Amino acid sequence: MSNAFSVDLAGLDGLTQTLETMDREMQGKLLNSLVWAASQPVEAEIKRLAPVDTELLKNQIGWKRGKRKANEKSLVLHLGKAGYGWIVERGSPHAAARPFIRPAFDSKRGAGELAAQAVLDKWVRELGDD
């Protein structure tokens, strides 16, 4: 079973048109900004929902850059020294699951998309001013 979750940002209005007007370096900066903006509401919710037996799990939640493909950017949820977070999320033969990652993605997906759309709108306005 994969430890990956994904949020598709392909539906953002105007993204394709905006990218076509940019050089590769600017495309990368915009895509990084979009992915980062979309991740922030999800990260905050994961931390809020994380079981707090100790602060370790909550404090180790963060993001790492994913493997890159042409014109794609991704962040991977990283649990640092609290790799046991996946066992907490899914359970084990000895412990019941206490989901906190999937519910955070499910509840904050729309907020992440709105945050990414706001970043895109800002970039479009700034490009229009040039």
Protein backbone atom coordinates (compact mmCIF):
# COMPACT_ATOMS: atom_id res chain seq x y z
CA MET A 1 0.00 0.00 0.00
CA SER A 2 1.41 3.36 -0.97
CA ASN A 3 2.06 6.15 1.53
CA ALA A 4 1.26 8.74 -1.14
CA PHE A 5 -1.60 11.18 -1.32
CA SER A 6 -2.02 13.60 -4.17
CA VAL A 7 -3.96 16.72 -5.00
CA ASP A 8 -4.41 17.53 -8.67
CA LEU A 9 -3.94 21.22 -9.43
CA ALA A 10 -4.56 20.76 -13.17
CA GLY A 11 -8.02 22.30 -12.96
CA LEU A 12 -6.88 25.75 -11.89
CA ASP A 13 -8.40 28.35 -14.17
CA GLY A 14 -5.88 29.96 -16.48
CA LEU A 15 -2.91 27.82 -15.43
CA THR A 16 -2.11 26.49 -18.90
CA GLN A 17 -2.43 29.90 -20.52
CA THR A 18 -0.28 31.52 -17.85
CA LEU A 19 2.45 28.86 -18.14
CA GLU A 20 2.59 29.27 -21.92
CA THR A 21 3.59 32.93 -21.51
CA MET A 22 6.58 32.14 -19.25
CA ASP A 23 10.10 30.87 -19.68
CA ARG A 24 11.03 27.58 -17.95
CA GLU A 25 12.54 29.25 -14.89
CA MET A 26 9.41 31.31 -14.25
CA GLN A 27 7.21 28.26 -14.88
CA GLY A 28 9.13 26.41 -12.18
CA LYS A 29 8.76 29.29 -9.72
CA LEU A 30 5.02 29.53 -10.35
CA LEU A 31 4.47 25.78 -10.04
CA ASN A 32 6.51 25.70 -6.80
CA SER A 33 4.39 28.57 -5.44
CA LEU A 34 1.15 26.82 -6.39
CA VAL A 35 2.11 23.49 -4.85
CA TRP A 36 3.39 25.16 -1.68
CA ALA A 37 0.24 27.29 -1.30
CA ALA A 38 -2.00 24.25 -1.79
CA SER A 39 -0.06 22.27 0.82
CA GLN A 40 -0.30 24.76 3.68
CA PRO A 41 -3.97 24.33 4.69
CA VAL A 42 -3.54 20.54 4.49
CA GLU A 43 -0.40 20.58 6.65
CA ALA A 44 -2.07 22.74 9.29
CA GLU A 45 -5.04 20.35 9.43
CA ILE A 46 -2.80 17.26 9.64
CA LYS A 47 -1.01 18.84 12.60
CA ARG A 48 -4.32 19.76 14.22
CA LEU A 49 -5.69 16.23 13.86
CA ALA A 50 -2.48 14.37 14.76
CA PRO A 51 -2.83 12.31 17.93
CA VAL A 52 -0.67 13.99 20.55
CA ASP A 53 0.67 11.22 22.75
CA THR A 54 3.94 13.10 22.45
CA GLU A 55 4.73 16.24 20.47
CA LEU A 56 7.16 14.30 18.24
CA LEU A 57 4.62 13.32 15.58
CA LYS A 58 3.04 16.76 15.36
CA ASN A 59 6.43 18.52 15.23
CA GLN A 60 7.87 16.24 12.53
CA ILE A 61 5.10 16.72 9.96
CA GLY A 62 6.33 18.58 6.92
CA TRP A 63 6.97 18.38 3.19
CA LYS A 64 9.84 17.36 0.94
CA ARG A 65 10.13 17.91 -2.78
CA GLY A 66 8.94 14.94 -4.79
CA LYS A 67 10.60 13.45 -7.85
CA ARG A 68 10.42 15.85 -10.75
CA LYS A 69 9.11 15.21 -14.21
CA ALA A 70 8.97 17.75 -17.01
CA ASN A 71 6.63 20.58 -16.00
CA GLU A 72 5.52 18.84 -12.79
CA LYS A 73 6.16 19.78 -9.19
CA SER A 74 5.22 17.82 -6.12
CA LEU A 75 5.63 17.78 -2.40
CA VAL A 76 5.70 14.57 -0.41
CA LEU A 77 4.34 14.41 3.11
CA HIS A 78 7.29 13.70 5.38
CA LEU A 79 7.01 12.50 8.97
CA GLY A 80 10.71 12.92 9.82
CA LYS A 81 11.74 10.98 12.89
CA ALA A 82 8.09 10.10 13.47
CA GLY A 83 7.80 7.52 10.69
CA TYR A 84 5.45 5.61 12.96
CA GLY A 85 2.81 8.15 11.91
CA TRP A 86 1.83 5.82 9.07
CA ILE A 87 1.15 3.06 11.61
CA VAL A 88 -0.98 5.49 13.63
CA GLU A 89 -2.82 6.45 10.42
CA ARG A 90 -3.49 2.92 9.20
CA GLY A 91 -3.25 0.81 12.34
CA SER A 92 -1.42 -2.45 12.86
CA PRO A 93 -2.26 -5.91 14.14
CA HIS A 94 -1.61 -4.54 17.63
CA ALA A 95 -3.14 -1.06 17.44
CA ALA A 96 -6.31 0.38 15.98
CA ALA A 97 -6.00 2.98 13.23
CA ARG A 98 -6.33 6.62 14.27
CA PRO A 99 -6.59 8.36 10.89
CA PHE A 100 -5.44 11.97 10.78
CA ILE A 101 -3.72 12.35 7.38
CA ARG A 102 -6.49 11.24 5.00
CA PRO A 103 -9.19 13.17 6.88
CA ALA A 104 -7.02 16.31 6.67
CA PHE A 105 -6.57 15.90 2.91
CA ASP A 106 -10.27 15.25 2.46
CA SER A 107 -11.40 18.24 4.53
CA LYS A 108 -8.84 20.80 3.31
CA ARG A 109 -8.58 19.92 -0.37
CA GLY A 110 -10.84 22.81 -1.32
CA ALA A 111 -8.91 25.25 0.87
CA GLY A 112 -5.68 24.14 -0.80
CA GLU A 113 -7.15 24.65 -4.24
CA LEU A 114 -8.41 28.12 -3.25
CA ALA A 115 -4.97 29.05 -1.89
CA ALA A 116 -3.33 27.89 -5.12
CA GLN A 117 -5.90 29.80 -7.19
CA ALA A 118 -5.15 32.97 -5.19
CA VAL A 119 -1.44 32.57 -5.94
CA LEU A 120 -2.18 32.03 -9.63
CA ASP A 121 -4.42 35.11 -9.72
CA LYS A 122 -1.64 37.18 -8.14
CA TRP A 123 0.90 35.96 -10.70
CA VAL A 124 -1.50 36.70 -13.56
CA ARG A 125 -2.05 40.26 -12.25
CA GLU A 126 1.71 40.82 -11.85
CA LEU A 127 2.44 39.48 -15.33
CA GLY A 128 -0.27 41.73 -16.73
CA ASP A 129 1.45 44.77 -15.16
CA ASP A 130 4.69 44.11 -17.09
